[in-house]
Amino acid sequence: MMKRLRFITMALLLGLLCLLAPEVQPTIAQENLLVNDQLIAFKINDTNYYTQTIGSE
C-alpha cells in the first residue's frame, strides 16, 4: 500500500512540474538565404553557416 501511495504521489508531482514548466518559444531566423550558385552548409552544434560556390574546387 505504501509503495502505491509513493508512486501516485511521485506521478502527481511530476505532472505538476510539467504543467508549471515554462513554455519554449521558437526562434525565427532573421536571415534570407536566397542564392543560385552557392551551396550552404550547416554543421551540427554550430550556429554559423558556410557557403561554397557551386562549380568551384
C-alpha atoms as a PDB file:
ATOM      1  CA  MET A   1       0.000   0.000   0.000  1.00  0.00           C
ATOM      2  CA  MET A   2       2.835   2.389   0.851  1.00  0.00           C
ATOM      3  CA  LYS A   3       4.611   1.750  -2.476  1.00  0.00           C
ATOM      4  CA  ARG A   4       1.422   2.512  -4.384  1.00  0.00           C
ATOM      5  CA  LEU A   5       0.892   5.760  -2.452  1.00  0.00           C
ATOM      6  CA  ARG A   6       4.506   6.799  -3.072  1.00  0.00           C
ATOM      7  CA  PHE A   7       4.149   6.021  -6.796  1.00  0.00           C
ATOM      8  CA  ILE A   8       0.938   8.042  -7.116  1.00  0.00           C
ATOM      9  CA  THR A   9       2.471  10.950  -5.201  1.00  0.00           C
ATOM     10  CA  MET A  10       5.568  10.982  -7.404  1.00  0.00           C
ATOM     11  CA  ALA A  11       3.425  10.785 -10.554  1.00  0.00           C
ATOM     12  CA  LEU A  12       1.314  13.745  -9.405  1.00  0.00           C
ATOM     13  CA  LEU A  13       4.387  15.806  -8.529  1.00  0.00           C
ATOM     14  CA  LEU A  14       5.951  15.044 -11.903  1.00  0.00           C
ATOM     15  CA  GLY A  15       2.708  16.014 -13.645  1.00  0.00           C
ATOM     16  CA  LEU A  16       2.543  19.314 -11.757  1.00  0.00           C
ATOM     17  CA  LEU A  17       6.182  20.003 -12.551  1.00  0.00           C
ATOM     18  CA  CYS A  18       5.475  19.503 -16.261  1.00  0.00           C
ATOM     19  CA  LEU A  19       2.484  21.833 -16.074  1.00  0.00           C
ATOM     20  CA  LEU A  20       4.479  24.561 -14.345  1.00  0.00           C
ATOM     21  CA  ALA A  21       7.481  24.340 -16.689  1.00  0.00           C
ATOM     22  CA  PRO A  22       7.992  27.467 -18.809  1.00  0.00           C
ATOM     23  CA  GLU A  23       6.930  27.249 -22.420  1.00  0.00           C
ATOM     24  CA  VAL A  24       9.660  27.178 -25.050  1.00  0.00           C
ATOM     25  CA  GLN A  25       9.272  29.894 -27.658  1.00  0.00           C
ATOM     26  CA  PRO A  26      10.638  29.005 -31.101  1.00  0.00           C
ATOM     27  CA  THR A  27      13.134  31.432 -32.587  1.00  0.00           C
ATOM     28  CA  ILE A  28      12.645  32.771 -36.070  1.00  0.00           C
ATOM     29  CA  ALA A  29      15.615  33.162 -38.401  1.00  0.00           C
ATOM     30  CA  GLN A  30      16.269  36.758 -39.369  1.00  0.00           C
ATOM     31  CA  GLU A  31      18.298  35.974 -42.472  1.00  0.00           C
ATOM     32  CA  ASN A  32      17.208  35.363 -46.042  1.00  0.00           C
ATOM     33  CA  LEU A  33      19.396  32.815 -47.797  1.00  0.00           C
ATOM     34  CA  LEU A  34      18.434  33.080 -51.453  1.00  0.00           C
ATOM     35  CA  VAL A  35      21.328  32.250 -53.760  1.00  0.00           C
ATOM     36  CA  ASN A  36      21.540  30.462 -57.101  1.00  0.00           C
ATOM     37  CA  ASP A  37      25.178  29.449 -57.329  1.00  0.00           C
ATOM     38  CA  GLN A  38      26.189  28.709 -53.747  1.00  0.00           C
ATOM     39  CA  LEU A  39      25.923  25.656 -51.550  1.00  0.00           C
ATOM     40  CA  ILE A  40      25.025  26.482 -47.957  1.00  0.00           C
ATOM     41  CA  ALA A  41      26.154  24.017 -45.287  1.00  0.00           C
ATOM     42  CA  PHE A  42      25.024  23.972 -41.678  1.00  0.00           C
ATOM     43  CA  LYS A  43      27.095  21.991 -39.186  1.00  0.00           C
ATOM     44  CA  ILE A  44      25.559  20.205 -36.202  1.00  0.00           C
ATOM     45  CA  ASN A  45      26.060  22.082 -32.902  1.00  0.00           C
ATOM     46  CA  ASP A  46      27.385  25.145 -34.743  1.00  0.00           C
ATOM     47  CA  THR A  47      25.500  28.431 -35.041  1.00  0.00           C
ATOM     48  CA  ASN A  48      27.327  29.502 -38.213  1.00  0.00           C
ATOM     49  CA  TYR A  49      26.734  28.503 -41.798  1.00  0.00           C
ATOM     50  CA  TYR A  50      29.311  28.008 -44.521  1.00  0.00           C
ATOM     51  CA  THR A  51      28.977  28.724 -48.240  1.00  0.00           C
ATOM     52  CA  GLN A  52      30.782  27.450 -51.302  1.00  0.00           C
ATOM     53  CA  THR A  53      30.241  28.469 -54.895  1.00  0.00           C
ATOM     54  CA  ILE A  54      28.930  25.558 -56.959  1.00  0.00           C
ATOM     55  CA  GLY A  55      31.319  24.558 -59.727  1.00  0.00           C
ATOM     56  CA  SER A  56      34.475  25.673 -57.930  1.00  0.00           C
ATOM     57  CA  GLU A  57      37.038  23.331 -56.436  1.00  0.00           C
END
